[in-house]
Structure formats: structure tokens, C-alpha cells
Protein backbone atom coordinates (compact mmCIF):
# COMPACT_ATOMS: atom_id res chain seq x y z
CA GLY A 1 -3.38 85.96 11.85
CA ARG A 2 -3.98 87.29 15.32
CA GLU A 3 -1.38 90.05 15.29
CA PRO A 4 -1.00 93.10 13.02
CA PHE A 5 1.41 92.41 10.22
CA ALA A 6 3.46 94.76 8.02
CA THR A 7 6.15 94.02 5.48
CA ALA A 8 7.78 95.18 2.28
CA TRP A 9 7.77 92.95 -0.78
CA TYR A 10 9.38 92.98 -4.21
CA SER A 11 10.14 90.69 -7.12
CA HIS A 12 13.44 90.45 -8.96
CA HIS A 13 13.12 90.97 -12.70
CA PHE A 14 16.10 89.04 -14.00
CA PHE A 15 16.21 90.31 -17.58
CA THR A 16 18.88 88.69 -19.75
CA CYS A 17 19.40 88.79 -23.51
CA ASP A 18 20.22 85.44 -25.11
CA ASN A 19 23.21 84.93 -22.78
CA TYR A 20 24.80 88.22 -23.88
CA PRO A 21 26.24 90.36 -21.07
CA VAL A 22 24.29 93.49 -20.16
CA GLY A 23 25.50 96.50 -22.08
CA LYS A 24 24.77 99.04 -24.79
CA GLY A 25 21.25 98.77 -26.17
CA VAL A 26 19.66 97.77 -22.85
CA GLY A 27 17.71 100.37 -20.87
CA VAL A 28 14.65 101.07 -18.75
CA ASP A 29 12.12 103.86 -18.18
CA LEU A 30 11.13 104.01 -14.50
CA ASP A 31 7.91 105.42 -13.07
CA LEU A 32 9.86 107.83 -10.86
CA ALA A 33 9.17 111.26 -12.35
CA ALA A 34 8.83 112.98 -8.97
CA THR A 35 12.35 111.95 -7.94
CA GLN A 36 13.97 113.86 -10.82
CA GLY A 37 16.35 110.93 -11.08
CA HIS A 38 17.80 111.36 -7.58
CA TYR A 39 19.32 108.19 -6.16
CA GLU A 40 21.88 106.90 -3.66
CA GLU A 41 24.45 104.12 -3.85
CA PRO A 42 25.33 103.07 -0.27
CA GLY A 43 27.09 99.94 -1.51
CA THR A 44 29.82 101.79 -3.42
CA TRP A 45 31.99 101.84 -0.29
CA PHE A 46 31.85 98.06 -0.06
CA TRP A 47 30.87 96.05 -3.12
CA SER A 48 29.06 98.06 -5.83
CA THR A 49 30.26 100.26 -8.71
CA PRO A 50 28.77 103.71 -9.51
CA ILE A 51 26.04 103.45 -12.11
CA GLU A 52 27.24 106.64 -13.84
CA ASN A 53 30.27 104.70 -15.11
CA TYR A 54 27.96 102.57 -17.26
CA ALA A 55 24.63 104.37 -17.73
CA PRO A 56 23.36 107.94 -17.33
CA VAL A 57 20.27 108.45 -15.17
CA THR A 58 18.14 111.04 -16.98
CA PRO A 59 14.88 112.62 -15.73
CA ARG A 60 12.34 113.00 -18.53
CA ASP A 61 8.70 114.00 -18.91
CA GLY A 62 6.81 111.48 -16.81
CA PHE A 63 9.63 109.00 -16.11
CA VAL A 64 13.35 108.52 -15.41
CA SER A 65 15.42 106.72 -18.06
CA VAL A 66 18.52 104.61 -17.55
CA ASP A 67 20.28 103.56 -20.78
CA MET A 68 23.43 101.47 -20.84
CA THR A 69 26.34 102.96 -22.79
CA ARG A 70 28.90 100.18 -22.30
CA GLY A 71 29.25 96.56 -21.29
CA VAL A 72 29.31 95.39 -17.68
CA GLU A 73 32.40 93.35 -16.74
CA ARG A 74 31.91 90.06 -14.90
CA ASN A 75 33.19 91.32 -11.56
CA VAL A 76 31.04 94.49 -11.51
CA ARG A 77 27.89 94.93 -9.40
CA ILE A 78 25.69 98.04 -9.60
CA LYS A 79 22.82 99.04 -7.32
CA ALA A 80 21.03 102.39 -7.34
CA GLU A 81 18.43 103.14 -4.64
CA PHE A 82 16.09 105.88 -5.85
CA SER A 83 14.37 108.39 -3.61
CA LYS A 84 10.84 107.48 -2.52
CA ASP A 85 8.15 108.64 -4.94
CA GLU A 86 4.66 108.69 -3.42
CA GLN A 87 3.16 109.22 -6.86
CA SER A 88 4.82 106.16 -8.39
CA HIS A 89 2.82 103.02 -9.16
CA GLY A 90 5.89 100.82 -9.51
CA ALA A 91 5.71 100.65 -13.29
CA PHE A 92 8.62 100.40 -15.70
CA THR A 93 9.30 99.77 -19.38
CA LEU A 94 12.41 97.73 -20.12
CA HIS A 95 13.88 97.45 -23.60
CA GLY A 96 16.71 95.48 -25.18
CA CYS A 97 17.40 92.78 -27.77
CA GLU A 98 14.51 93.98 -29.96
CA THR A 99 12.15 93.27 -27.06
CA LEU A 100 10.07 95.59 -24.89
CA ILE A 101 8.64 94.61 -21.49
CA ARG A 102 6.10 96.71 -19.56
CA GLU A 103 5.37 96.04 -15.90
CA THR A 104 2.56 97.51 -13.79
CA ILE A 105 1.09 96.86 -10.32
CA PRO A 106 -2.52 98.11 -10.58
CA GLU A 107 -3.24 97.86 -6.84
CA VAL A 108 -0.58 100.38 -5.86
CA GLY A 109 -2.18 103.53 -4.45
CA THR A 110 -5.73 102.15 -4.36
CA GLU A 111 -7.91 102.11 -1.25
CA GLY A 112 -7.24 98.97 0.73
CA GLY A 113 -4.38 98.09 -1.60
CA VAL A 114 -0.61 98.38 -1.35
CA SER A 115 1.66 101.42 -1.44
CA MET A 116 5.13 102.09 -2.77
CA TYR A 117 7.97 101.41 -0.35
CA ALA A 118 11.16 101.83 -2.41
CA TYR A 119 12.50 101.56 -5.94
CA ASN A 120 15.92 100.07 -6.75
CA LEU A 121 17.80 99.12 -9.89
CA TYR A 122 20.31 96.25 -9.80
CA ILE A 123 22.69 95.57 -12.69
CA GLU A 124 25.46 93.05 -13.33
CA SER A 125 26.83 91.22 -16.33
CA GLY A 126 24.09 88.57 -16.25
CA THR A 127 21.00 90.60 -15.33
CA PHE A 128 19.27 93.96 -15.58
CA SER A 129 16.78 94.11 -12.73
CA PRO A 130 14.33 96.95 -11.89
CA GLU A 131 13.03 96.38 -8.35
CA PRO A 132 9.85 98.29 -7.40
CA GLN A 133 9.09 97.47 -3.75
CA ILE A 134 5.60 97.66 -2.28
CA TYR A 135 4.45 97.95 1.32
CA MET A 136 1.46 96.36 3.00
CA HIS A 137 -0.09 96.48 6.47
CA LEU A 138 -2.67 93.95 7.65
CA TRP A 139 -4.83 93.90 10.74
CA PRO A 140 -5.84 90.60 12.39
CA GLY A 141 -8.11 88.68 10.04
CA GLN A 142 -7.44 91.01 7.11
CA SER A 143 -6.13 89.82 3.73
CA ILE A 144 -4.74 91.59 0.70
CA SER A 145 -3.81 90.72 -2.86
CA TRP A 146 -1.99 92.37 -5.72
CA THR A 147 -0.88 91.52 -9.24
CA GLN A 148 2.10 92.18 -11.47
CA GLN A 149 1.17 92.59 -15.09
CA LEU A 150 3.84 92.03 -17.73
CA GLU A 151 3.35 92.93 -21.39
CA PHE A 152 5.79 91.86 -24.09
CA ASP A 153 6.20 93.60 -27.42
CA ASP A 154 8.72 94.05 -30.24
CA TYR A 155 11.23 96.89 -29.96
CA ASP A 156 12.74 97.97 -33.27
CA GLU A 157 15.27 100.46 -31.87
CA SER A 158 17.44 97.89 -30.11
CA ILE A 159 21.09 97.40 -30.98
CA ASP A 160 21.89 94.81 -33.63
CA ARG A 161 22.77 91.30 -32.43
CA SER A 162 26.17 91.31 -34.16
CA ASP A 163 27.05 94.52 -32.32
CA MET A 164 26.06 92.97 -29.01
CA ARG A 165 28.49 90.11 -29.60
CA ASP A 166 31.32 92.59 -30.15
CA PHE A 167 30.61 95.33 -27.61
CA PHE A 168 31.92 93.46 -24.56
CA LYS A 169 35.34 92.92 -26.11
CA ALA A 170 35.43 96.51 -27.38
CA ASP A 171 34.53 97.94 -23.98
CA ILE A 172 37.36 96.05 -22.31
CA VAL A 173 39.84 97.49 -24.81
CA ASP A 174 38.41 101.02 -24.60
CA SER A 175 38.29 101.18 -20.79
CA PRO A 176 41.71 102.14 -19.30
CA LYS A 177 40.81 100.62 -15.93
CA ALA A 178 39.57 97.37 -17.43
CA LEU A 179 42.53 97.23 -19.82
CA SER A 180 44.99 97.74 -16.93
CA LEU A 181 43.32 94.95 -14.97
CA TRP A 182 43.33 92.72 -18.06
CA VAL A 183 47.08 93.31 -18.59
CA ARG A 184 47.93 92.63 -14.93
CA VAL A 185 45.96 89.40 -14.86
CA ASP A 186 47.36 88.29 -18.21
CA ARG A 187 50.96 89.09 -17.16
CA SER A 188 50.63 87.23 -13.87
CA PHE A 189 49.18 84.21 -15.63
CA MET A 190 51.98 84.18 -18.21
CA VAL A 191 54.69 84.33 -15.51
CA PHE A 192 53.05 81.46 -13.65
CA ALA A 193 52.61 79.41 -16.83
CA LEU A 194 56.23 79.92 -17.95
CA THR A 195 57.58 79.04 -14.50
CA ALA A 196 55.51 75.85 -14.37
CA ALA A 197 56.57 74.89 -17.91
CA CYS A 198 60.30 75.39 -17.13
CA LEU A 199 60.03 73.36 -13.94
CA ALA A 200 58.24 70.54 -15.77
CA LEU A 201 60.89 70.55 -18.53
CA CYS A 202 63.76 70.36 -16.01
CA ILE A 203 62.14 67.42 -14.24
CA GLN A 204 61.57 65.63 -17.55
CA VAL A 205 65.18 66.15 -18.72
CA ALA A 206 66.60 64.93 -15.41
CA TRP A 207 64.41 61.85 -15.44
CA LYS A 208 65.33 61.03 -19.04
CA ARG A 209 69.07 61.30 -18.32
CA ARG A 210 68.67 58.97 -15.41
CA GLN A 211 66.80 56.46 -17.53
CA ASP A 212 69.23 56.67 -20.50
CA GLY A 213 72.47 56.49 -18.45
CA PRO A 214 75.13 53.69 -18.96
CA ASP A 215 74.12 50.24 -17.74
CA TYR A 216 76.69 49.85 -14.99
CA SER A 217 76.92 46.61 -13.05
CA PRO A 218 75.77 47.07 -9.53
CA ILE A 219 78.51 47.55 -6.99
CA PRO A 220 78.15 44.96 -4.22
CA ASP A 221 78.01 46.30 -0.70
CA HIS A 222 79.84 43.24 0.74
CA ASP A 223 83.03 41.29 0.06
CA THR A 224 82.90 38.94 -2.90
CA ILE A 225 84.23 35.44 -2.25
CA ILE A 226 85.23 33.24 -5.20
CA ASP A 227 85.05 29.53 -4.39
CA THR A 228 86.53 28.26 -7.69
CA PRO A 229 90.12 27.05 -7.15
CA VAL A 230 92.68 28.33 -9.59
CA LYS A 231 95.79 26.30 -10.59
CA ALA A 232 98.65 28.02 -12.24
CA SER A 233 101.96 26.59 -13.51
CA ARG A 234 105.25 28.40 -13.73
CA ALA A 235 104.96 28.40 -17.54
CA ASP A 236 101.79 30.42 -17.35
CA ILE A 237 103.48 33.22 -15.50
CA SER A 238 105.21 35.65 -17.80
CA PRO A 239 106.67 39.07 -17.27
CA THR A 240 104.31 41.93 -17.87
CA LYS A 241 105.10 43.88 -20.99
CA LEU A 242 104.10 47.49 -21.39
CA SER A 243 103.99 49.13 -24.77
CA TYR A 244 103.50 52.81 -25.42
CA VAL A 245 102.03 54.29 -28.57
């Protein structure tokens, strides 16, 4: 290019576990030791949920750990934006479902390479996504490259698969807020379903009565004229007799 160019860049790491919702047994160790685990959540006033409701953020020796303690409901979004760490190289180690994933960006902090820009963590029911962001600045005619290295390994401390199938249901029952929402939604649905069923039944009964009613002859809407002449003799005319029982 002919003009100086600067931009931030990052890659989503959409970790999922065999279609199970994110929850207990999933966690990550972030290369953010200098931050002491300090983060902000600007989205909590609009769309996101505090991460502390689902996972503690714990500073440790050389990294910051985030370990899920409960399941994430389908309507929950979590995003933590960690303080900038000039010593970070954007690495993380993610673990869950008996699997361990290590990510590194070797060019971070090297001469002529890229530098750290920000470090976020995004979580929802369908993904657990560490987001190390790098920054680059290029002069006219200059180019740059970087790599993301991913290593996969077994992780024998993960939660059992049968537990993962059950934890989401258990968390809904154990969470007062989620349980209250569940009851309100369930009650509203039941009222709607019962109302619709009663209305359908009334319509069906009314229609059946109309179909099964007596087969009356239609009443003409005009005068009926009989053209057949009738002859009567005096002998045919007899007094009307009324009998009472």
C-alpha cells in the first residue's frame, strides 16, 4: 500500500463440546498474569450477564483461570474485557470434555512483529471463546505475518460425559432466577394452550350440533301455488270429531 496502515485483529475460538451447552467442567487459563484478573463488563447494562454468576476469575502464578461452575442458559451472553497486559503473548490453555487445547502466537512481542491489543473472553450456551487481540502497524510497502499455533491433548480431569448431560437441567432447577423464569414461561404457555383447546372444542361442538340437527324441509320464501284441482262431494265432508285422552 501507499499509506500507513494500522489495525487490530483477532480470531474467534468457538469451542464447543459435542453439542453440550457450556457449563461445569469447561475452563481456561489465560496468559494475563500482570492483570491480576482485573476485567470490565461494559455490556452488562445492555445485553451481557456478569461472568461472576457462572465462573470465578482467579489470578494464579503465571496466569488467570476462569472455570465454569454452572451451565449457561440459552438466553445468556457473557463478555469480559480484561485489562491490557503488555507482558502477555496472547496464549491460553482451554480444557473441557477430556480435551486440552493450547494456543500461542509466537510473533507477539518480537521485533518487527505484532503486539497485544486487548484480551476478551466471550461465553454463551453454544461456545466458550477466548479472544486475544493483536495490533499491527505497517508503513508503505511493508508486510507482516504471524501464526496461531494450536496443540491438542487429552485432559483427564474433565467432568464425566453423563454429568454434562445432566448439569444443564440441574442448574435450571437450582437457580432461583432461572426457575422463576421457567415457571412464568410454563404458566403462560399452559394458559394459552388451555384457552386455545377450549375454543377449539366449543367450535367443534357447535359445528357437530349443526350437522346432526333434524332434517327439516326448507321453508319456501314465496307463496306456494297448487295447480291440481280438487273435487269434493257432500258425502266426503263430515263433522270434525275431537277426542280427549
